[in-house]
Structure formats: C-alpha cells, structure tokens
N, C-alpha and C. Protein backbone atom coordinates (compact mmCIF):
# COMPACT_ATOMS: atom_id res chain seq x y z
N MET A 1 0.82 -1.19 0.00
CA MET A 1 0.00 0.00 0.00
C MET A 1 0.87 1.26 0.00
N ALA A 2 1.91 1.23 0.83
CA ALA A 2 2.81 2.38 0.90
C ALA A 2 3.49 2.64 -0.44
N LEU A 3 3.90 1.56 -1.12
CA LEU A 3 4.54 1.72 -2.43
C LEU A 3 3.58 2.30 -3.45
N SER A 4 2.35 1.82 -3.47
CA SER A 4 1.39 2.33 -4.45
C SER A 4 1.04 3.78 -4.14
N THR A 5 0.96 4.13 -2.86
CA THR A 5 0.69 5.52 -2.49
C THR A 5 1.83 6.41 -2.93
N ARG A 6 3.07 5.99 -2.70
CA ARG A 6 4.23 6.78 -3.09
C ARG A 6 4.32 6.91 -4.62
N ALA A 7 4.00 5.83 -5.30
CA ALA A 7 4.01 5.88 -6.77
C ALA A 7 2.98 6.90 -7.27
N ALA A 8 1.79 6.89 -6.69
CA ALA A 8 0.76 7.85 -7.09
C ALA A 8 1.20 9.28 -6.78
N GLU A 9 1.84 9.48 -5.64
CA GLU A 9 2.34 10.81 -5.30
C GLU A 9 3.42 11.26 -6.29
N GLY A 10 4.27 10.34 -6.70
CA GLY A 10 5.31 10.66 -7.68
C GLY A 10 4.72 11.06 -9.01
N LEU A 11 3.68 10.35 -9.43
CA LEU A 11 3.02 10.70 -10.69
C LEU A 11 2.33 12.05 -10.58
N ALA A 12 1.70 12.30 -9.43
CA ALA A 12 1.06 13.60 -9.24
C ALA A 12 2.11 14.71 -9.26
N ASP A 13 3.27 14.47 -8.64
CA ASP A 13 4.36 15.44 -8.66
C ASP A 13 4.82 15.70 -10.09
N ALA A 14 4.91 14.64 -10.88
CA ALA A 14 5.33 14.78 -12.28
C ALA A 14 4.32 15.62 -13.05
N GLY A 15 3.05 15.43 -12.78
CA GLY A 15 2.01 16.22 -13.44
C GLY A 15 2.09 17.68 -13.06
N ARG A 16 2.30 17.94 -11.76
CA ARG A 16 2.43 19.33 -11.30
C ARG A 16 3.66 20.00 -11.93
N GLU A 17 4.77 19.29 -11.99
CA GLU A 17 5.99 19.86 -12.57
C GLU A 17 5.80 20.11 -14.06
N ALA A 18 5.15 19.20 -14.75
CA ALA A 18 4.91 19.38 -16.19
C ALA A 18 4.00 20.59 -16.42
N PHE A 19 2.99 20.76 -15.57
CA PHE A 19 2.10 21.93 -15.71
C PHE A 19 2.87 23.22 -15.42
N ALA A 20 3.70 23.20 -14.38
CA ALA A 20 4.50 24.38 -14.05
C ALA A 20 5.42 24.75 -15.20
N SER A 21 5.96 23.76 -15.88
CA SER A 21 6.82 23.99 -17.04
C SER A 21 6.03 24.67 -18.17
N LEU A 22 4.81 24.24 -18.38
CA LEU A 22 3.95 24.87 -19.38
C LEU A 22 3.69 26.33 -19.02
N VAL A 23 3.37 26.57 -17.77
CA VAL A 23 3.09 27.93 -17.32
C VAL A 23 4.31 28.83 -17.50
N ARG A 24 5.48 28.32 -17.13
CA ARG A 24 6.71 29.12 -17.30
C ARG A 24 6.94 29.48 -18.77
N LEU A 25 6.72 28.52 -19.66
CA LEU A 25 6.90 28.77 -21.09
C LEU A 25 5.96 29.87 -21.58
N VAL A 26 4.70 29.77 -21.21
CA VAL A 26 3.71 30.76 -21.66
C VAL A 26 4.02 32.13 -21.07
N ARG A 27 4.41 32.18 -19.81
CA ARG A 27 4.76 33.48 -19.20
C ARG A 27 5.98 34.10 -19.86
N ARG A 28 6.96 33.27 -20.21
CA ARG A 28 8.14 33.80 -20.92
C ARG A 28 7.73 34.39 -22.27
N LYS A 29 6.86 33.66 -22.97
CA LYS A 29 6.41 34.13 -24.28
C LYS A 29 5.59 35.40 -24.14
N ALA A 30 4.84 35.52 -23.05
CA ALA A 30 3.98 36.70 -22.84
C ALA A 30 4.80 37.99 -22.75
N LYS A 31 6.08 37.88 -22.39
CA LYS A 31 6.92 39.08 -22.28
C LYS A 31 7.05 39.81 -23.62
N ASP A 32 6.95 39.04 -24.74
CA ASP A 32 7.05 39.68 -26.05
C ASP A 32 5.81 39.47 -26.91
N HIS A 33 4.69 39.10 -26.29
CA HIS A 33 3.44 38.92 -27.03
C HIS A 33 2.31 39.59 -26.25
N ARG A 34 1.89 40.74 -26.76
CA ARG A 34 0.89 41.55 -26.06
C ARG A 34 -0.41 40.81 -25.79
N GLY A 35 -0.85 39.99 -26.73
CA GLY A 35 -2.11 39.25 -26.54
C GLY A 35 -2.04 38.29 -25.36
N LEU A 36 -0.89 37.63 -25.21
CA LEU A 36 -0.72 36.74 -24.07
C LEU A 36 -0.64 37.53 -22.77
N GLN A 37 0.06 38.66 -22.80
CA GLN A 37 0.13 39.51 -21.61
C GLN A 37 -1.28 39.90 -21.16
N THR A 38 -2.06 40.35 -22.11
CA THR A 38 -3.42 40.81 -21.80
C THR A 38 -4.29 39.67 -21.29
N SER A 39 -4.23 38.52 -21.95
CA SER A 39 -5.09 37.41 -21.56
C SER A 39 -4.73 36.87 -20.17
N LEU A 40 -3.45 36.90 -19.83
CA LEU A 40 -3.04 36.44 -18.51
C LEU A 40 -3.44 37.42 -17.42
N ALA A 41 -3.61 38.69 -17.79
CA ALA A 41 -3.97 39.72 -16.81
C ALA A 41 -5.49 39.84 -16.60
N ILE A 42 -6.28 39.22 -17.46
CA ILE A 42 -7.74 39.33 -17.36
C ILE A 42 -8.22 38.72 -16.06
N GLU A 43 -9.04 39.46 -15.36
CA GLU A 43 -9.71 38.91 -14.18
C GLU A 43 -10.99 38.24 -14.66
N PRO A 44 -11.23 37.00 -14.26
CA PRO A 44 -12.46 36.33 -14.69
C PRO A 44 -13.69 37.10 -14.21
N THR A 45 -14.64 37.31 -15.13
CA THR A 45 -15.87 38.02 -14.77
C THR A 45 -17.01 37.05 -14.52
N SER A 46 -16.81 35.80 -14.90
CA SER A 46 -17.83 34.78 -14.63
C SER A 46 -17.27 33.81 -13.59
N THR A 47 -18.15 33.08 -12.97
CA THR A 47 -17.70 32.12 -11.95
C THR A 47 -16.90 30.98 -12.56
N THR A 48 -17.07 30.71 -13.85
CA THR A 48 -16.35 29.62 -14.49
C THR A 48 -15.03 30.08 -15.09
N GLY A 49 -14.84 31.38 -15.25
CA GLY A 49 -13.60 31.88 -15.83
C GLY A 49 -13.51 31.64 -17.33
N ASP A 50 -14.64 31.37 -17.98
CA ASP A 50 -14.64 31.07 -19.41
C ASP A 50 -14.08 32.23 -20.24
N ASP A 51 -14.36 33.46 -19.84
CA ASP A 51 -13.89 34.61 -20.60
C ASP A 51 -12.37 34.64 -20.65
N ARG A 52 -11.74 34.35 -19.55
CA ARG A 52 -10.27 34.34 -19.50
C ARG A 52 -9.72 33.18 -20.33
N ALA A 53 -10.36 32.02 -20.25
CA ALA A 53 -9.90 30.85 -21.01
C ALA A 53 -10.01 31.10 -22.51
N VAL A 54 -11.09 31.74 -22.95
CA VAL A 54 -11.27 32.04 -24.38
C VAL A 54 -10.18 33.01 -24.84
N ALA A 55 -9.93 34.04 -24.05
CA ALA A 55 -8.89 35.02 -24.41
C ALA A 55 -7.52 34.35 -24.47
N LEU A 56 -7.24 33.48 -23.52
CA LEU A 56 -5.94 32.80 -23.51
C LEU A 56 -5.81 31.88 -24.72
N ARG A 57 -6.86 31.14 -25.05
CA ARG A 57 -6.80 30.26 -26.24
C ARG A 57 -6.54 31.08 -27.50
N ARG A 58 -7.23 32.18 -27.65
CA ARG A 58 -7.04 33.03 -28.84
C ARG A 58 -5.61 33.56 -28.90
N ALA A 59 -5.09 34.00 -27.77
CA ALA A 59 -3.73 34.53 -27.74
C ALA A 59 -2.71 33.44 -28.04
N LEU A 60 -2.95 32.24 -27.52
CA LEU A 60 -2.02 31.13 -27.81
C LEU A 60 -2.06 30.76 -29.29
N VAL A 61 -3.24 30.74 -29.87
CA VAL A 61 -3.36 30.44 -31.31
C VAL A 61 -2.54 31.46 -32.11
N ASP A 62 -2.66 32.73 -31.75
CA ASP A 62 -1.90 33.76 -32.45
C ASP A 62 -0.39 33.59 -32.22
N ALA A 63 -0.01 33.31 -30.97
CA ALA A 63 1.42 33.17 -30.65
C ALA A 63 2.05 32.01 -31.39
N VAL A 64 1.37 30.87 -31.46
CA VAL A 64 1.96 29.71 -32.16
C VAL A 64 1.98 29.93 -33.66
N ALA A 65 1.01 30.70 -34.17
CA ALA A 65 1.00 30.99 -35.61
C ALA A 65 2.18 31.88 -35.99
N ARG A 66 2.59 32.75 -35.09
CA ARG A 66 3.69 33.67 -35.37
C ARG A 66 5.07 33.09 -35.05
N ASP A 67 5.12 32.07 -34.21
CA ASP A 67 6.41 31.56 -33.74
C ASP A 67 6.43 30.03 -33.75
N PRO A 68 6.94 29.42 -34.83
CA PRO A 68 6.94 27.96 -34.93
C PRO A 68 7.75 27.28 -33.82
N HIS A 69 8.79 27.94 -33.33
CA HIS A 69 9.58 27.34 -32.24
C HIS A 69 8.76 27.29 -30.95
N PHE A 70 8.02 28.35 -30.68
CA PHE A 70 7.13 28.36 -29.52
C PHE A 70 6.05 27.28 -29.68
N ASP A 71 5.52 27.16 -30.88
CA ASP A 71 4.52 26.14 -31.18
C ASP A 71 5.05 24.74 -30.85
N GLN A 72 6.25 24.43 -31.33
CA GLN A 72 6.85 23.11 -31.08
C GLN A 72 7.09 22.87 -29.60
N GLU A 73 7.61 23.87 -28.91
CA GLU A 73 7.90 23.70 -27.49
C GLU A 73 6.62 23.59 -26.66
N LEU A 74 5.62 24.37 -27.01
CA LEU A 74 4.33 24.29 -26.31
C LEU A 74 3.72 22.91 -26.49
N ARG A 75 3.74 22.40 -27.72
CA ARG A 75 3.20 21.05 -27.97
C ARG A 75 3.99 19.97 -27.24
N ARG A 76 5.31 20.12 -27.21
CA ARG A 76 6.15 19.14 -26.52
C ARG A 76 5.83 19.11 -25.04
N ARG A 77 5.75 20.29 -24.44
CA ARG A 77 5.46 20.34 -23.00
C ARG A 77 4.04 19.90 -22.70
N TRP A 78 3.10 20.23 -23.60
CA TRP A 78 1.72 19.77 -23.40
C TRP A 78 1.67 18.24 -23.44
N ASP A 79 2.39 17.62 -24.36
CA ASP A 79 2.43 16.15 -24.43
C ASP A 79 2.98 15.55 -23.14
N ILE A 80 4.03 16.15 -22.60
CA ILE A 80 4.61 15.67 -21.35
C ILE A 80 3.59 15.78 -20.23
N TYR A 81 2.91 16.92 -20.16
CA TYR A 81 1.87 17.13 -19.13
C TYR A 81 0.74 16.12 -19.30
N HIS A 82 0.31 15.97 -20.52
CA HIS A 82 -0.81 15.05 -20.81
C HIS A 82 -0.45 13.62 -20.41
N GLN A 83 0.74 13.19 -20.77
CA GLN A 83 1.17 11.83 -20.41
C GLN A 83 1.28 11.66 -18.90
N ALA A 84 1.78 12.68 -18.21
CA ALA A 84 1.92 12.60 -16.75
C ALA A 84 0.55 12.52 -16.09
N THR A 85 -0.41 13.27 -16.59
CA THR A 85 -1.73 13.24 -15.97
C THR A 85 -2.50 11.99 -16.35
N LEU A 86 -2.26 11.46 -17.53
CA LEU A 86 -2.90 10.19 -17.90
C LEU A 86 -2.44 9.09 -16.97
N ARG A 87 -1.14 9.01 -16.75
CA ARG A 87 -0.61 7.97 -15.86
C ARG A 87 -1.10 8.14 -14.44
N ALA A 88 -1.20 9.39 -13.99
CA ALA A 88 -1.66 9.63 -12.62
C ALA A 88 -3.11 9.23 -12.45
N ASP A 89 -3.86 9.25 -13.52
CA ASP A 89 -5.28 8.95 -13.45
C ASP A 89 -5.59 7.51 -13.83
N ALA A 90 -4.58 6.76 -14.22
CA ALA A 90 -4.80 5.40 -14.71
C ALA A 90 -5.13 4.44 -13.55
N VAL A 91 -5.91 3.45 -13.88
CA VAL A 91 -6.26 2.40 -12.92
C VAL A 91 -6.00 1.06 -13.58
N THR A 92 -5.35 0.18 -12.87
CA THR A 92 -5.12 -1.18 -13.36
C THR A 92 -5.69 -2.14 -12.33
N ASN A 93 -6.58 -3.00 -12.78
CA ASN A 93 -7.16 -4.01 -11.90
C ASN A 93 -6.58 -5.36 -12.27
N LYS A 94 -6.17 -6.12 -11.26
CA LYS A 94 -5.66 -7.46 -11.49
C LYS A 94 -6.25 -8.40 -10.45
N VAL A 95 -6.51 -9.60 -10.88
CA VAL A 95 -6.89 -10.66 -9.96
C VAL A 95 -5.96 -11.82 -10.25
N SER A 96 -5.34 -12.34 -9.22
CA SER A 96 -4.45 -13.47 -9.44
C SER A 96 -4.67 -14.50 -8.34
N GLY A 97 -4.19 -15.66 -8.61
CA GLY A 97 -4.37 -16.73 -7.63
C GLY A 97 -5.75 -17.36 -7.74
N ARG A 98 -6.06 -18.15 -6.79
CA ARG A 98 -7.33 -18.86 -6.79
C ARG A 98 -8.41 -17.99 -6.16
N VAL A 99 -9.45 -17.74 -6.89
CA VAL A 99 -10.56 -16.92 -6.41
C VAL A 99 -11.78 -17.81 -6.29
N THR A 100 -12.38 -17.82 -5.12
CA THR A 100 -13.56 -18.67 -4.92
C THR A 100 -14.82 -17.87 -4.68
N GLY A 101 -14.70 -16.59 -4.47
CA GLY A 101 -15.88 -15.77 -4.21
C GLY A 101 -15.98 -14.64 -5.21
N PRO A 102 -16.90 -13.73 -4.95
CA PRO A 102 -17.09 -12.60 -5.87
C PRO A 102 -15.86 -11.68 -5.90
N VAL A 103 -15.65 -11.06 -7.04
CA VAL A 103 -14.58 -10.08 -7.21
C VAL A 103 -15.19 -8.85 -7.87
N VAL A 104 -14.85 -7.69 -7.34
CA VAL A 104 -15.29 -6.44 -7.94
C VAL A 104 -14.05 -5.66 -8.34
N GLN A 105 -13.99 -5.27 -9.60
CA GLN A 105 -12.91 -4.41 -10.07
C GLN A 105 -13.56 -3.14 -10.58
N ALA A 106 -13.11 -2.03 -10.05
CA ALA A 106 -13.75 -0.77 -10.42
C ALA A 106 -12.79 0.39 -10.20
N ARG A 107 -13.10 1.46 -10.82
CA ARG A 107 -12.36 2.69 -10.57
C ARG A 107 -13.23 3.61 -9.73
N ASP A 108 -14.30 4.08 -10.31
CA ASP A 108 -15.21 4.99 -9.60
C ASP A 108 -16.55 4.29 -9.45
N ILE A 109 -17.07 4.31 -8.25
CA ILE A 109 -18.37 3.70 -8.00
C ILE A 109 -19.27 4.75 -7.39
N SER A 110 -20.43 4.93 -7.98
CA SER A 110 -21.46 5.81 -7.40
C SER A 110 -22.56 4.90 -6.89
N GLY A 111 -22.85 5.00 -5.62
CA GLY A 111 -23.85 4.11 -5.04
C GLY A 111 -23.15 2.99 -4.30
N GLY A 112 -23.87 1.95 -4.02
CA GLY A 112 -23.32 0.87 -3.22
C GLY A 112 -22.96 -0.35 -4.04
N VAL A 113 -22.21 -1.22 -3.39
CA VAL A 113 -21.86 -2.52 -3.96
C VAL A 113 -22.25 -3.56 -2.93
N ASN A 114 -23.00 -4.54 -3.35
CA ASN A 114 -23.45 -5.58 -2.44
C ASN A 114 -22.86 -6.91 -2.88
N LEU A 115 -22.09 -7.54 -1.99
CA LEU A 115 -21.46 -8.81 -2.32
C LEU A 115 -22.13 -9.98 -1.60
N ALA A 116 -23.28 -9.74 -1.02
CA ALA A 116 -23.99 -10.81 -0.33
C ALA A 116 -24.50 -11.82 -1.35
N PRO A 117 -24.57 -13.09 -0.96
CA PRO A 117 -25.11 -14.08 -1.89
C PRO A 117 -26.59 -13.81 -2.14
N PRO A 118 -27.09 -14.22 -3.30
CA PRO A 118 -28.51 -13.98 -3.59
C PRO A 118 -29.37 -14.75 -2.59
N PRO A 119 -30.54 -14.20 -2.28
CA PRO A 119 -31.41 -14.90 -1.33
C PRO A 119 -31.82 -16.25 -1.88
N GLN A 120 -31.89 -17.24 -1.02
CA GLN A 120 -32.30 -18.58 -1.44
C GLN A 120 -33.80 -18.67 -1.47
N ARG A 121 -34.28 -19.34 -2.47
CA ARG A 121 -35.74 -19.52 -2.62
C ARG A 121 -36.15 -20.79 -1.89
N HIS A 122 -37.23 -20.70 -1.23
CA HIS A 122 -37.79 -21.87 -0.56
C HIS A 122 -38.75 -22.57 -1.52
N HIS A 123 -38.57 -23.85 -1.71
CA HIS A 123 -39.46 -24.62 -2.59
C HIS A 123 -40.58 -25.17 -1.75
N GLU A 124 -41.79 -24.89 -2.10
CA GLU A 124 -42.94 -25.42 -1.36
C GLU A 124 -43.62 -26.51 -2.12
C-alpha cells in the first residue's frame, strides 16, 4: 500500500511539474506577445472563468501561428503534461491466484456494492 501511495504521489508530482513547465513557457512568451500579456492579466468576470480561457486560447493560437519554435515547445510540453496526468489517473485491476468468491474491479463507484449471496428460494 505504501509503495502504491508513493508511486501515485510521484506521478502527481510529475504532473504538477509538467504543468508548471507549461506555465513558465507561456509566461516567458507573454513578455514579447501583447495578446498573451493581456489574456493572462484578465480577471475572470464569470464564476467559471470562461472569458479568460477564451482570451488565452485566442492569444495562444496567435502566438503559435507567429512563432513555430514556440509552437513546437508548447506542444512538446503539453504532451509531457498530458502523459503525466494520464498515468496519474490510470487504474489497473488485477486478480491473481485462486478466487472462490465474488470479485469487484472498479475505478469509480457511485452508489453501493453488495457482495452478499442472492437470497435462497424456498421450494414449497
């Protein structure tokens, strides 16, 4: 259990570091790209922050169109982040050995799981 917990923490750390790397790249680019500067400075006016996200997407599209090296580096770092978060979110279920009773393999369960044997019918 301790090993699996530490492994999950390591993957989460990798995801955080990959995201931080993306943020650093975009902030560096914003120093010479007014659209990125502006979009990063926008205060969200909605509770979801959609306005800021739309502005940032538009500015990134413009920045990558103007700078192929930034485009390549942004895609490379995004791939690293994506892979780190995929692994952190992955679930592997295994059953080995002799199993004589019910087995449940799941990732997310909403509601209950009942492993009781079915009720026996009385024959009259």
